[in-house]
Amino acid sequence: MIDLSASAHSASARLPRRPSADWNAEDATEEAPFKTLTRQEAQALRGTIPTTSPWKVIGAQAVVGVVCSALLWALTQRTDLAASALYGAATAVLPGAVLARGMTRRTSSNPAAAAIGFMFWEMVKIALAVAMLMAAVRVVPGLSWPALLGVLVVCMKVSWLAMLWQRRPAVKTPVTAPQQKPTEKV
């Protein structure tokens, strides 16, 4: 058996390299200097980055879930559909609250530990959501899967609205009206 990767590598090592058409553009982007920020510059930069509390998102998901459940009950007068919808909302809200609690409990200054912590709590969230979905048949009498899954999806999509709620830093640009000269009539 012939190892093609080794022979291809050795063959390409012997060939002269030609610069590409946009060789200078590649070097210009790679050689951009990296500037270390001072403490004051870092704090000023943090002040411009919009943030949203995860608890606001969890609260909004809960409100949307209750509203969807109430609307479903008002339209159909069926408590089994409303209960299924409410359980679907809980399937989005409770695992999200566990994740938010785990992530906001303590913060690590070590980026690797923070990433591992996030992955751990995300796995806990997914496992809890799957367990709640598996238990739905036993917990909700007269379960309606379309109602449960529909409200679950609606509640999950509420987190996308968090981008609209982020506080935006005030941009200070002077606005001046253009000066017009009075025209003379002849």
C-alpha atoms as a PDB file:
ATOM      1  CA  MET A   1       0.000   0.000   0.000  1.00  0.00           C
ATOM      2  CA  ILE A   2       1.385   3.400  -0.973  1.00  0.00           C
ATOM      3  CA  ASP A   3       1.131   6.347   1.395  1.00  0.00           C
ATOM      4  CA  LEU A   4       0.040   9.107  -0.952  1.00  0.00           C
ATOM      5  CA  SER A   5       0.007  11.841   1.669  1.00  0.00           C
ATOM      6  CA  ALA A   6       3.744  11.483   2.356  1.00  0.00           C
ATOM      7  CA  SER A   7       4.687  11.434  -1.330  1.00  0.00           C
ATOM      8  CA  ALA A   8       2.438  14.403  -2.122  1.00  0.00           C
ATOM      9  CA  HIS A   9       3.956  16.349   0.771  1.00  0.00           C
ATOM     10  CA  SER A  10       7.521  15.639  -0.332  1.00  0.00           C
ATOM     11  CA  ALA A  11       6.677  16.514  -3.950  1.00  0.00           C
ATOM     12  CA  SER A  12       5.130  19.825  -2.960  1.00  0.00           C
ATOM     13  CA  ALA A  13       8.149  20.617  -0.806  1.00  0.00           C
ATOM     14  CA  ARG A  14      10.417  20.370  -3.877  1.00  0.00           C
ATOM     15  CA  LEU A  15       8.291  22.679  -6.066  1.00  0.00           C
ATOM     16  CA  PRO A  16       9.017  26.408  -5.967  1.00  0.00           C
ATOM     17  CA  ARG A  17       6.231  28.439  -4.404  1.00  0.00           C
ATOM     18  CA  ARG A  18       4.632  31.138  -6.476  1.00  0.00           C
ATOM     19  CA  PRO A  19       3.035  34.121  -4.798  1.00  0.00           C
ATOM     20  CA  SER A  20      -0.712  34.333  -5.229  1.00  0.00           C
ATOM     21  CA  ALA A  21      -2.458  37.273  -6.871  1.00  0.00           C
ATOM     22  CA  ASP A  22      -3.591  38.720  -3.553  1.00  0.00           C
ATOM     23  CA  TRP A  23      -0.373  37.898  -1.695  1.00  0.00           C
ATOM     24  CA  ASN A  24       0.088  41.460  -0.441  1.00  0.00           C
ATOM     25  CA  ALA A  25      -3.512  41.660   0.797  1.00  0.00           C
ATOM     26  CA  GLU A  26      -3.053  38.468   2.838  1.00  0.00           C
ATOM     27  CA  ASP A  27       0.159  39.743   4.429  1.00  0.00           C
ATOM     28  CA  ALA A  28      -1.405  43.112   5.217  1.00  0.00           C
ATOM     29  CA  THR A  29      -4.223  41.499   7.179  1.00  0.00           C
ATOM     30  CA  GLU A  30      -1.935  39.069   9.006  1.00  0.00           C
ATOM     31  CA  GLU A  31       0.548  41.726  10.086  1.00  0.00           C
ATOM     32  CA  ALA A  32      -1.970  44.004  11.791  1.00  0.00           C
ATOM     33  CA  PRO A  33      -0.481  44.963  15.160  1.00  0.00           C
ATOM     34  CA  PHE A  34      -2.158  43.699  18.297  1.00  0.00           C
ATOM     35  CA  LYS A  35      -2.758  46.386  20.881  1.00  0.00           C
ATOM     36  CA  THR A  36      -3.051  45.478  24.544  1.00  0.00           C
ATOM     37  CA  LEU A  37      -5.681  47.601  26.248  1.00  0.00           C
ATOM     38  CA  THR A  38      -5.103  49.416  29.493  1.00  0.00           C
ATOM     39  CA  ARG A  39      -7.462  48.854  32.403  1.00  0.00           C
ATOM     40  CA  GLN A  40      -9.346  52.083  31.648  1.00  0.00           C
ATOM     41  CA  GLU A  41      -9.639  51.255  27.930  1.00  0.00           C
ATOM     42  CA  ALA A  42     -10.952  47.761  28.729  1.00  0.00           C
ATOM     43  CA  GLN A  43     -13.551  49.174  31.129  1.00  0.00           C
ATOM     44  CA  ALA A  44     -14.607  51.755  28.543  1.00  0.00           C
ATOM     45  CA  LEU A  45     -14.937  48.997  25.917  1.00  0.00           C
ATOM     46  CA  ARG A  46     -17.022  46.850  28.293  1.00  0.00           C
ATOM     47  CA  GLY A  47     -19.341  49.808  28.788  1.00  0.00           C
ATOM     48  CA  THR A  48     -20.099  49.932  25.064  1.00  0.00           C
ATOM     49  CA  ILE A  49     -20.963  46.223  24.713  1.00  0.00           C
ATOM     50  CA  PRO A  50     -24.720  45.641  25.085  1.00  0.00           C
ATOM     51  CA  THR A  51     -25.729  42.997  27.643  1.00  0.00           C
ATOM     52  CA  THR A  52     -28.981  41.301  28.579  1.00  0.00           C
ATOM     53  CA  SER A  53     -29.605  39.378  31.766  1.00  0.00           C
ATOM     54  CA  PRO A  54     -30.387  35.700  31.174  1.00  0.00           C
ATOM     55  CA  TRP A  55     -33.100  36.013  33.811  1.00  0.00           C
ATOM     56  CA  LYS A  56     -34.954  38.558  31.665  1.00  0.00           C
ATOM     57  CA  VAL A  57     -34.950  36.050  28.808  1.00  0.00           C
ATOM     58  CA  ILE A  58     -36.162  33.236  31.111  1.00  0.00           C
ATOM     59  CA  GLY A  59     -38.899  35.514  32.457  1.00  0.00           C
ATOM     60  CA  ALA A  60     -39.975  36.482  28.949  1.00  0.00           C
ATOM     61  CA  GLN A  61     -40.093  32.807  27.949  1.00  0.00           C
ATOM     62  CA  ALA A  62     -42.312  32.065  30.949  1.00  0.00           C
ATOM     63  CA  VAL A  63     -44.652  34.958  30.141  1.00  0.00           C
ATOM     64  CA  VAL A  64     -44.909  33.943  26.475  1.00  0.00           C
ATOM     65  CA  GLY A  65     -45.610  30.331  27.506  1.00  0.00           C
ATOM     66  CA  VAL A  66     -48.395  31.338  29.886  1.00  0.00           C
ATOM     67  CA  VAL A  67     -49.893  33.690  27.282  1.00  0.00           C
ATOM     68  CA  CYS A  68     -49.810  30.957  24.603  1.00  0.00           C
ATOM     69  CA  SER A  69     -51.421  28.485  26.991  1.00  0.00           C
ATOM     70  CA  ALA A  70     -54.122  30.981  27.954  1.00  0.00           C
ATOM     71  CA  LEU A  71     -54.809  31.829  24.307  1.00  0.00           C
ATOM     72  CA  LEU A  72     -55.057  28.160  23.429  1.00  0.00           C
ATOM     73  CA  TRP A  73     -57.521  27.598  26.273  1.00  0.00           C
ATOM     74  CA  ALA A  74     -59.525  30.711  25.298  1.00  0.00           C
ATOM     75  CA  LEU A  75     -59.771  29.555  21.687  1.00  0.00           C
ATOM     76  CA  THR A  76     -60.577  25.874  22.315  1.00  0.00           C
ATOM     77  CA  GLN A  77     -61.929  25.708  25.895  1.00  0.00           C
ATOM     78  CA  ARG A  78     -59.913  22.462  26.264  1.00  0.00           C
ATOM     79  CA  THR A  79     -57.864  22.152  29.420  1.00  0.00           C
ATOM     80  CA  ASP A  80     -55.816  19.257  28.025  1.00  0.00           C
ATOM     81  CA  LEU A  81     -54.474  21.478  25.237  1.00  0.00           C
ATOM     82  CA  ALA A  82     -53.760  24.304  27.657  1.00  0.00           C
ATOM     83  CA  ALA A  83     -51.992  21.930  30.057  1.00  0.00           C
ATOM     84  CA  SER A  84     -49.921  20.493  27.212  1.00  0.00           C
ATOM     85  CA  ALA A  85     -48.963  23.996  26.100  1.00  0.00           C
ATOM     86  CA  LEU A  86     -48.059  24.989  29.648  1.00  0.00           C
ATOM     87  CA  TYR A  87     -45.901  21.876  30.019  1.00  0.00           C
ATOM     88  CA  GLY A  88     -44.196  22.759  26.715  1.00  0.00           C
ATOM     89  CA  ALA A  89     -43.391  26.185  28.124  1.00  0.00           C
ATOM     90  CA  ALA A  90     -42.027  24.584  31.287  1.00  0.00           C
ATOM     91  CA  THR A  91     -39.857  22.315  29.133  1.00  0.00           C
ATOM     92  CA  ALA A  92     -38.172  25.424  27.732  1.00  0.00           C
ATOM     93  CA  VAL A  93     -38.144  27.563  30.875  1.00  0.00           C
ATOM     94  CA  LEU A  94     -36.971  25.167  33.599  1.00  0.00           C
ATOM     95  CA  PRO A  95     -33.868  23.835  31.784  1.00  0.00           C
ATOM     96  CA  GLY A  96     -33.024  27.392  30.742  1.00  0.00           C
ATOM     97  CA  ALA A  97     -33.305  28.526  34.363  1.00  0.00           C
ATOM     98  CA  VAL A  98     -30.983  25.707  35.454  1.00  0.00           C
ATOM     99  CA  LEU A  99     -28.438  26.802  32.838  1.00  0.00           C
ATOM    100  CA  ALA A 100     -28.742  30.465  33.846  1.00  0.00           C
ATOM    101  CA  ARG A 101     -28.348  29.583  37.523  1.00  0.00           C
ATOM    102  CA  GLY A 102     -25.302  27.444  36.844  1.00  0.00           C
ATOM    103  CA  MET A 103     -23.659  30.083  34.691  1.00  0.00           C
ATOM    104  CA  THR A 104     -24.353  33.083  36.937  1.00  0.00           C
ATOM    105  CA  ARG A 105     -23.595  31.346  40.213  1.00  0.00           C
ATOM    106  CA  ARG A 106     -19.876  32.026  40.008  1.00  0.00           C
ATOM    107  CA  THR A 107     -17.722  33.364  37.280  1.00  0.00           C
ATOM    108  CA  SER A 108     -14.248  32.131  36.553  1.00  0.00           C
ATOM    109  CA  SER A 109     -11.457  34.350  35.351  1.00  0.00           C
ATOM    110  CA  ASN A 110      -9.946  31.348  33.578  1.00  0.00           C
ATOM    111  CA  PRO A 111     -11.385  31.168  30.041  1.00  0.00           C
ATOM    112  CA  ALA A 112     -10.905  27.392  29.792  1.00  0.00           C
ATOM    113  CA  ALA A 113     -12.785  26.811  33.049  1.00  0.00           C
ATOM    114  CA  ALA A 114     -15.574  29.117  31.912  1.00  0.00           C
ATOM    115  CA  ALA A 115     -15.899  27.231  28.614  1.00  0.00           C
ATOM    116  CA  ILE A 116     -15.964  23.858  30.364  1.00  0.00           C
ATOM    117  CA  GLY A 117     -18.524  25.185  32.856  1.00  0.00           C
ATOM    118  CA  PHE A 118     -20.725  26.406  30.028  1.00  0.00           C
ATOM    119  CA  MET A 119     -20.522  23.047  28.244  1.00  0.00           C
ATOM    120  CA  PHE A 120     -21.354  21.199  31.475  1.00  0.00           C
ATOM    121  CA  TRP A 121     -24.414  23.329  32.229  1.00  0.00           C
ATOM    122  CA  GLU A 122     -25.546  23.152  28.602  1.00  0.00           C
ATOM    123  CA  MET A 123     -25.426  19.338  28.788  1.00  0.00           C
ATOM    124  CA  VAL A 124     -27.414  19.452  32.035  1.00  0.00           C
ATOM    125  CA  LYS A 125     -29.974  21.696  30.303  1.00  0.00           C
ATOM    126  CA  ILE A 126     -30.322  19.333  27.336  1.00  0.00           C
ATOM    127  CA  ALA A 127     -30.589  16.256  29.576  1.00  0.00           C
ATOM    128  CA  LEU A 128     -33.279  17.929  31.707  1.00  0.00           C
ATOM    129  CA  ALA A 129     -35.266  18.971  28.621  1.00  0.00           C
ATOM    130  CA  VAL A 130     -35.107  15.450  27.166  1.00  0.00           C
ATOM    131  CA  ALA A 131     -36.133  13.950  30.521  1.00  0.00           C
ATOM    132  CA  MET A 132     -39.074  16.351  30.759  1.00  0.00           C
ATOM    133  CA  LEU A 133     -40.195  15.453  27.236  1.00  0.00           C
ATOM    134  CA  MET A 134     -39.979  11.739  28.033  1.00  0.00           C
ATOM    135  CA  ALA A 135     -41.960  12.245  31.250  1.00  0.00           C
ATOM    136  CA  ALA A 136     -44.669  14.311  29.511  1.00  0.00           C
ATOM    137  CA  VAL A 137     -46.752  11.228  28.691  1.00  0.00           C
ATOM    138  CA  ARG A 138     -47.045  10.373  32.391  1.00  0.00           C
ATOM    139  CA  VAL A 139     -47.253  13.905  33.787  1.00  0.00           C
ATOM    140  CA  VAL A 140     -49.804  15.567  31.480  1.00  0.00           C
ATOM    141  CA  PRO A 141     -53.206  13.868  31.248  1.00  0.00           C
ATOM    142  CA  GLY A 142     -54.593  13.931  27.696  1.00  0.00           C
ATOM    143  CA  LEU A 143     -51.275  15.091  26.291  1.00  0.00           C
ATOM    144  CA  SER A 144     -51.370  16.916  22.948  1.00  0.00           C
ATOM    145  CA  TRP A 145     -47.931  16.720  21.330  1.00  0.00           C
ATOM    146  CA  PRO A 146     -48.643  19.456  18.761  1.00  0.00           C
ATOM    147  CA  ALA A 147     -49.617  21.921  21.504  1.00  0.00           C
ATOM    148  CA  LEU A 148     -46.640  20.963  23.672  1.00  0.00           C
ATOM    149  CA  LEU A 149     -44.079  21.145  20.871  1.00  0.00           C
ATOM    150  CA  GLY A 150     -45.577  24.280  19.337  1.00  0.00           C
ATOM    151  CA  VAL A 151     -45.352  26.274  22.550  1.00  0.00           C
ATOM    152  CA  LEU A 152     -41.917  24.775  23.280  1.00  0.00           C
ATOM    153  CA  VAL A 153     -40.629  26.106  19.951  1.00  0.00           C
ATOM    154  CA  VAL A 154     -42.258  29.508  20.496  1.00  0.00           C
ATOM    155  CA  CYS A 155     -40.662  29.794  23.951  1.00  0.00           C
ATOM    156  CA  MET A 156     -37.258  28.789  22.620  1.00  0.00           C
ATOM    157  CA  LYS A 157     -37.481  31.455  19.921  1.00  0.00           C
ATOM    158  CA  VAL A 158     -38.075  34.156  22.536  1.00  0.00           C
ATOM    159  CA  SER A 159     -34.344  34.091  23.276  1.00  0.00           C
ATOM    160  CA  TRP A 160     -33.764  35.532  19.799  1.00  0.00           C
ATOM    161  CA  LEU A 161     -35.731  38.595  20.855  1.00  0.00           C
ATOM    162  CA  ALA A 162     -33.095  39.257  23.508  1.00  0.00           C
ATOM    163  CA  MET A 163     -30.993  40.899  20.821  1.00  0.00           C
ATOM    164  CA  LEU A 164     -33.696  43.532  20.464  1.00  0.00           C
ATOM    165  CA  TRP A 165     -33.778  44.176  24.213  1.00  0.00           C
ATOM    166  CA  GLN A 166     -30.068  44.812  24.558  1.00  0.00           C
ATOM    167  CA  ARG A 167     -29.250  48.263  25.721  1.00  0.00           C
ATOM    168  CA  ARG A 168     -27.592  50.260  23.034  1.00  0.00           C
ATOM    169  CA  PRO A 169     -24.894  52.757  23.911  1.00  0.00           C
ATOM    170  CA  ALA A 170     -25.761  56.317  23.087  1.00  0.00           C
ATOM    171  CA  VAL A 171     -23.882  57.459  20.025  1.00  0.00           C
ATOM    172  CA  LYS A 172     -22.858  61.055  20.453  1.00  0.00           C
ATOM    173  CA  THR A 173     -22.654  62.676  17.068  1.00  0.00           C
ATOM    174  CA  PRO A 174     -23.406  66.334  16.594  1.00  0.00           C
ATOM    175  CA  VAL A 175     -26.315  66.888  14.307  1.00  0.00           C
ATOM    176  CA  THR A 176     -26.225  70.162  12.480  1.00  0.00           C
ATOM    177  CA  ALA A 177     -28.661  71.427   9.934  1.00  0.00           C
ATOM    178  CA  PRO A 178     -27.154  72.617   6.678  1.00  0.00           C
ATOM    179  CA  GLN A 179     -26.933  76.368   6.420  1.00  0.00           C
ATOM    180  CA  GLN A 180     -28.894  77.887   3.554  1.00  0.00           C
ATOM    181  CA  LYS A 181     -28.276  81.266   2.086  1.00  0.00           C
ATOM    182  CA  PRO A 182     -31.291  83.449   1.529  1.00  0.00           C
ATOM    183  CA  THR A 183     -31.979  83.933  -2.136  1.00  0.00           C
ATOM    184  CA  GLU A 184     -32.539  87.381  -3.549  1.00  0.00           C
ATOM    185  CA  LYS A 185     -35.287  88.121  -5.996  1.00  0.00           C
ATOM    186  CA  VAL A 186     -34.369  90.207  -8.977  1.00  0.00           C
END
